[in-house]
Amino acid sequence: MPNTGPLGQARPNGKQILLAIVTLGFYGIYWAYKNHEEIKQHSGEGIGGAAGAVIYALVGVVTLFLLPVEIKKMYEADGRQSPVGAGTAAWVLLFGIPWYVKRQTALNDYWVSKGAPAPA
């Protein structure tokens, strides 16, 4: 089934990383909430914002796998090949930030391809 819900917001990578650092990681809970909620609203699939925020706060490592899988399903429902998937979580085991950048870039590219404004 094609994705027909409202578009999410493309977010600049650098700003997101800076906010996470400045807030000592608390911004990550909001970030997980927004990303999971936007995917759920757009695709009708996924765990949604509240569950995403709780999972991130309690067992953040699950988010490493869960968000790329939700993004992958969204791309596939759109008939496109996803640049991320469960294997993307391996990036964090090696470097940390590249996982975030790869995942956020894939999500940004998807939103922008659907008509959302590019991150500023």
Protein backbone atom coordinates (compact mmCIF):
# COMPACT_ATOMS: atom_id res chain seq x y z
CA MET A 1 0.00 0.00 0.00
CA PRO A 2 1.46 3.40 -0.96
CA ASN A 3 2.34 5.98 1.66
CA THR A 4 -0.31 8.70 1.66
CA GLY A 5 -0.15 10.38 5.06
CA PRO A 6 1.32 13.78 5.90
CA LEU A 7 4.98 14.35 5.20
CA GLY A 8 7.54 14.50 7.95
CA GLN A 9 10.12 17.20 8.40
CA ALA A 10 13.61 17.00 6.92
CA ARG A 11 16.11 17.88 9.65
CA PRO A 12 19.70 19.11 9.23
CA ASN A 13 22.22 16.55 10.49
CA GLY A 14 24.60 19.00 12.12
CA LYS A 15 21.87 20.78 14.06
CA GLN A 16 20.47 17.47 15.36
CA ILE A 17 23.88 16.30 16.54
CA LEU A 18 24.58 19.66 18.19
CA LEU A 19 21.24 19.61 20.01
CA ALA A 20 21.92 16.09 21.28
CA ILE A 21 25.31 17.17 22.63
CA VAL A 22 24.08 20.43 24.19
CA THR A 23 21.17 18.71 25.94
CA LEU A 24 23.36 15.83 27.12
CA GLY A 25 21.37 13.40 25.02
CA PHE A 26 17.87 14.39 26.14
CA TYR A 27 17.13 15.82 22.71
CA GLY A 28 17.42 12.23 21.46
CA ILE A 29 14.15 11.32 23.17
CA TYR A 30 12.32 14.09 21.32
CA TRP A 31 14.14 13.17 18.10
CA ALA A 32 13.07 9.51 18.42
CA TYR A 33 9.50 10.58 19.17
CA LYS A 34 9.27 12.88 16.13
CA ASN A 35 10.85 10.46 13.67
CA HIS A 36 8.79 7.45 14.74
CA GLU A 37 5.60 9.54 14.84
CA GLU A 38 6.16 11.08 11.40
CA ILE A 39 6.83 7.67 9.86
CA LYS A 40 3.68 6.25 11.49
CA GLN A 41 1.55 9.19 10.33
CA HIS A 42 2.90 9.03 6.78
CA SER A 43 2.98 5.28 6.19
CA GLY A 44 0.41 3.98 8.66
CA GLU A 45 3.05 1.55 9.89
CA GLY A 46 5.60 1.58 12.64
CA ILE A 47 5.49 1.94 16.39
CA GLY A 48 4.65 5.63 16.61
CA GLY A 49 6.13 8.45 18.64
CA ALA A 50 5.33 7.52 22.23
CA ALA A 51 6.59 3.95 21.92
CA GLY A 52 9.62 5.15 19.97
CA ALA A 53 10.55 7.65 22.69
CA VAL A 54 10.13 5.05 25.46
CA ILE A 55 12.23 2.50 23.59
CA TYR A 56 14.93 5.09 22.94
CA ALA A 57 14.97 6.17 26.59
CA LEU A 58 15.00 2.65 28.07
CA VAL A 59 16.85 0.54 25.51
CA GLY A 60 18.30 2.94 22.98
CA VAL A 61 20.19 0.21 21.16
CA VAL A 62 16.87 -1.08 19.79
CA THR A 63 16.41 2.26 18.02
CA LEU A 64 19.59 1.55 16.07
CA PHE A 65 17.77 -1.26 14.30
CA LEU A 66 14.15 -0.13 14.49
CA LEU A 67 14.31 3.25 12.77
CA PRO A 68 16.26 2.02 9.72
CA VAL A 69 13.78 -0.86 9.34
CA GLU A 70 10.82 1.54 9.48
CA ILE A 71 12.52 3.82 6.94
CA LYS A 72 13.24 0.83 4.70
CA LYS A 73 9.59 -0.25 4.76
CA MET A 74 8.51 3.28 3.88
CA TYR A 75 10.86 3.38 0.87
CA GLU A 76 9.74 -0.07 -0.29
CA ALA A 77 6.05 0.85 -0.03
CA ASP A 78 6.92 3.75 -2.32
CA GLY A 79 8.47 1.32 -4.83
CA ARG A 80 12.03 2.45 -4.14
CA GLN A 81 15.15 0.78 -2.87
CA SER A 82 16.06 1.94 0.60
CA PRO A 83 19.55 3.23 1.40
CA VAL A 84 19.15 1.93 4.98
CA GLY A 85 17.99 -1.23 6.73
CA ALA A 86 18.68 -3.31 9.82
CA GLY A 87 22.33 -3.67 8.78
CA THR A 88 22.71 0.09 9.12
CA ALA A 89 22.92 -0.47 12.87
CA ALA A 90 26.38 -1.95 12.35
CA TRP A 91 27.57 1.59 11.60
CA VAL A 92 27.07 2.65 15.20
CA LEU A 93 29.17 -0.23 16.42
CA LEU A 94 32.03 1.13 14.35
CA PHE A 95 31.64 4.88 14.45
CA GLY A 96 28.42 6.17 16.05
CA ILE A 97 27.75 9.41 14.23
CA PRO A 98 27.88 7.93 10.70
CA TRP A 99 24.88 5.75 11.65
CA TYR A 100 22.93 8.84 12.60
CA VAL A 101 23.97 10.74 9.48
CA LYS A 102 23.19 7.82 7.17
CA ARG A 103 19.78 7.25 8.76
CA GLN A 104 18.81 10.94 8.98
CA THR A 105 20.00 11.58 5.42
CA ALA A 106 17.86 8.70 4.13
CA LEU A 107 14.84 10.05 5.97
CA ASN A 108 15.52 13.62 4.79
CA ASP A 109 15.91 12.43 1.19
CA TYR A 110 12.59 10.60 1.39
CA TRP A 111 10.69 13.59 2.82
CA VAL A 112 12.24 16.02 0.30
CA SER A 113 11.46 13.66 -2.61
CA LYS A 114 7.82 13.84 -1.57
CA GLY A 115 7.77 17.63 -1.47
CA ALA A 116 8.87 18.57 2.05
CA PRO A 117 11.22 21.55 2.28
CA ALA A 118 14.92 20.70 2.37
CA PRO A 119 16.55 21.01 5.79
CA ALA A 120 17.81 24.48 6.51
